[in-house]
Amino acid sequence: MDFKKIEEKWQKRWEESKIFFSDPDNREKFFITAAFPYLNGVLHAGHLRTFTIPEVVARYQRMRGKNVLWTFGYHVTGTPILGLAEQIKERKKEVIWAYTNLHKIPEEILLKLTTPEKIVEYFSKKAEEAFKKMGFSLDWRRKFTTNDEAFKKFIIWQFHKLKEKGYIVKGSHPVKYCPKCDNPVEDHDLLHGEGATLVEYILIKFRTEDDEVMPMATLRPETVFGVTNIWINPEKTYVRAKVNGETWILSKEAAEKLKYQGREVEILEEFKGEKLINKKVLNPVTNKEVPIFPAKFVKTNVGTGCVMSVPAHAPYDYIALKDLGLLDKIEMISLIEVKGYGKFPAKEIVEKMNIKSQEERDKLEEATKKVYKDEFHKGVLNENCQEYRGIPVREAKDKIIEDLINKGLAEVMYEFSEERVVCRCGSPCIIKVVKDQWFIKYSDKKWKELAHKCVDRMNFIPENLRRVFHEMIDWMKDKACVRRRGLGTEFPFEEGWIIESLSDSTIYPAYYTIAKYVNEYNIKPEQLTIKLFDYIFLGKGELEEVSEDSGLDKELIKKMREEFLYYYPVDWRCSAKDLIPNHLTFYIFNHVAIFPEELWPRGIVVNGYVTIEGKKLSKSKGPLLPVLEVAETFGADVGRFYITTCAELPQDADIKFSELEKTKRVLERLYNFTKEVINMKDSEEREIDRWLLSKLNRALKDYHKLMEEFELRKAGILLSHYLLDEYIHWYRRRGGNNKELLLNYCETLVKMFAPFTPHLAEELWELLGKKNFISLERIPEAKEELIDDEIEFIEDYLKKLIEDIREIIKITKTEPRRIYIYTAEPWKCQILKIINENKDKDAKEIIKMIMKDPEFRKFGKEVPKLVNHLIKLRALDIDEEEVLKKNKEFLEKEFNAEIIINGEDKANKKRVAIPFKPAIYLE
């Protein structure tokens, strides 16, 4: 079969018929969206997974009879596209190599992409080509880019709404910053460190013997009461510097960083850390002097290079003192009472994990995370913590920070959560406290409350995301929302600024609902006024006045309002997990800020990352695997079925080319099976038909549940392993050959495959003599009356019996002439009957009930064992001997041997038989 030819045929027919264009009608709507792609490269394997998941679900819901809105726009704002254009213009070798070899762009074309506009035009065409080649069922009337003038008007409206609520503010805040670009940067602007967050270190001002400040950088200021010594790296460079008028001792790197964080810094002297060893410093909180010890593990590029040691609660500190042989000279100070630990948690966990030295970094990291987590969530400060005694750690931490800062004993310094954060221009990024910068005030408490409320009522897949989003909302701080350069919307409240790229892509699904009108009616950007958007999205204003203000026809405005209300809210938003700490959280915040509660998002689905043959995907170094390459090499349906079923949704998916080939063979089997059924001759009905009908309807029931819950891997296994292979194989083995039934089975199976493999499904549907698109057909509901527990149980019993006999033949290396099968003694069958009559009772209760009968008591210890086994077996109360007699001929054919049921008791075997686990003897 020629996958490519089939795909081209149906893609052409879909495009001509426009069957995926969605307009409001009287059906139930289903609105699904995915985070749109950023166009600084071709769509790759990561996009393939993230976008094919909602594509399959969109097709499924359409085949459930819903009116599905599923469409795409393109993200192009920010600096990455600008930076790429400049790098191509400069003929940067590594960029030319990456885009010709990984993105598969011919060099003669690539070298012409020297402006952002050319890059956007080229990659948007490539993205659309990839979507179409993969058979995506999109409404293309609604596409746009974030740099379109019309869309910019929507963003300006959004920012006006945020400012009206007090969520757009001006002030001084720390931001990720590129010194070369002279701009704040966000995740989309980064080459390395995407997802890095700003970490707030507390600098506690210890004092040297010369009354100079030695700031200790810590994430756990509540442990300052237990400091026994200080760690300094003897081999690294430290400085004495004037910092806002005070003399500080700290690492050279820290001094440089503080220059950008609102401090005036003048370096007076440089020296090696060894100069500080064995000196003493004063703890400003306890007024105790503590010594300075050497530690090569201290990083001078993180914090201040001066680290306080709390060996009672920090595994690293405990093991370091042990390595130095100083544990006996140091008196550990217990600070936190926590359930499951004694006085010194660090000592306990180090000993429990058998950590011998500082070299065991992985184990120490694990121990540290465990202790810190338990102490933060379950710990309470003890009497050594002065006035904070009895306060839970999670509450005390912020109070201690506030008090230390108010007393002038501490300051704040910011670090990245990752060591390497690099702008797309190639420059290392810094954290800069920017003055007179515009921010979105995500720290606002009332706004956070609304976001929490939204999360409480949303659906999440997987469900544990609910907790993650609550944590993200709590953690969220003010975020810079403008920059000086790059593509994007001009900031409406001050000239010279452009709205940054993660702030203009939060509520754009609302724009999808009206984009077809903007595109098809050639609405001019100046007609898209704030009053118009207020009316469409918020129902504010009078239609007459809005029409006059925008110059648009009243009927058109009404239609736009009605369309928005028909499709909104979004039912599911789909993305990979890297967007949880930024875009997806902003998506919730911005929706609750602007829209009424009934229009808040309903659900978020998050999938894991993608690797290729075990290697991490990389746009610049490879591997990449463009989507177009998947379509060309393996076929769209193969790629779709494989990428959605190769891993559970939250897990990372590792693409293996050999597995893609296996998937191809699965689809070939579906094609061959369908043709085989079509070419069958009519045949009579048999009892096994009831079994196949039952399995099909049970599978339909399971399939619908799995698809509704985005369990696409399990649905794929149900289709390919069970429905296509195992059930059909057993049906035919049992003599099933009913053409009418198999045609019905085949039609249903093809419909179930259709969301995953639409081109092949359309082809098979046509082969089956159908005239309509299968994409618009209904996947049938399960018929409960056809699900037959008894016949399924009997067939499972026979399968298991055959397996057991084969296993005995294999072990004994026998070719039996006779096979004796013994069913259980009557008293054992009576116990099964009692169990089935008391399904609401547990094993203990049933055993107690049975043992009251003296007839059963004589079997003693056999009874409890049998009850426990039969409860797990969930056997039906049917005549096992009758089942065997009825299927005696089938079993004899299977083994080419005489089957004797409950004949002469050979080797006293009958005694070991239990209901539906017969004893077997080979002769």
Foldseek 3Di string as FASTA:
>chain_A
DDQQVLLVVVLVVCVVVVVLAFDDDDFAEAEEEEQAEEQPAFFFLQNLLQVLLVQLLQLQVLLQVHRYAYAHEYEHWFCPLVLLLCCLCVVPPLSLCLCCPARVDPSVQSSVSNHSVSSCVVRVVNHVVLCSLLPRSHNHLLYYYQQDLQLLQVLLLLVVLLVVVVQKDWWWDKAWAFPVQRKGDALVQWQPDRLWDKDKWKFFFWAFPVRATETATDPQPLLLLFFAAKEAAQAAKWFFKQKQNGTYIFGPLVLVQVVQAPIDIDTDDMDGRVVQAQGWIASPVNRDIHGYHYDNVQDRNPDGRMHTAQQLQQLLNVQVCVVVVNPVVTDHAFWKDFPPDDRRLSVVQCVVVVPRHNVVPVSSVVSNVVSVVRQQVGIATDPSSPPRHGPRSVVVRVVSSVVCVVVVRIDIDIDIPDSFIAGSSGGTIGIGTDGRFIWRALVDPVLLVLLLVLLVQAAEVVRVVSVVLNVLSNPDGIHGFWIQDIRAHANPPDGRIHGHSLSSRQACVLSSLCSSVCSVVVQDSQLSHSVLCCCQAVVDDDLVVNCVNNVDDSVSSVSSSVSSVSHADRAEYTYEPSCSNGRVSSNSSSCSSRHDPVRGYHYYYYFYGEAEQPHHAHSSPDDTHRSVNCCVPLRSLLSLLCSLQQDFGHDYHYDYVVVSVVSSVLLVLLVVLLVVLVPDDADDDDPCLLVLLQLLLVLLQVLVVCSVSSRSNVNSCCLRPPLSPVSVVLCVLVPHDHSVSSLVSSLLSLLSSCSRRVSSSQVSCVVSVDDDRSSNHHNDHRDVVSNDPVVNLLSVLVVVVLVVVVVVCVVVVDQFQEKEWEAADPVLLVLLVQCVVPVVDDLVVSLVVQCVDPVVCVVPPVVSVSSVVSNVVVDDSDDPLVSCVVCQVSVCVVRVHHYHYNDDCPPVQNHPHHHSRIGMDGD
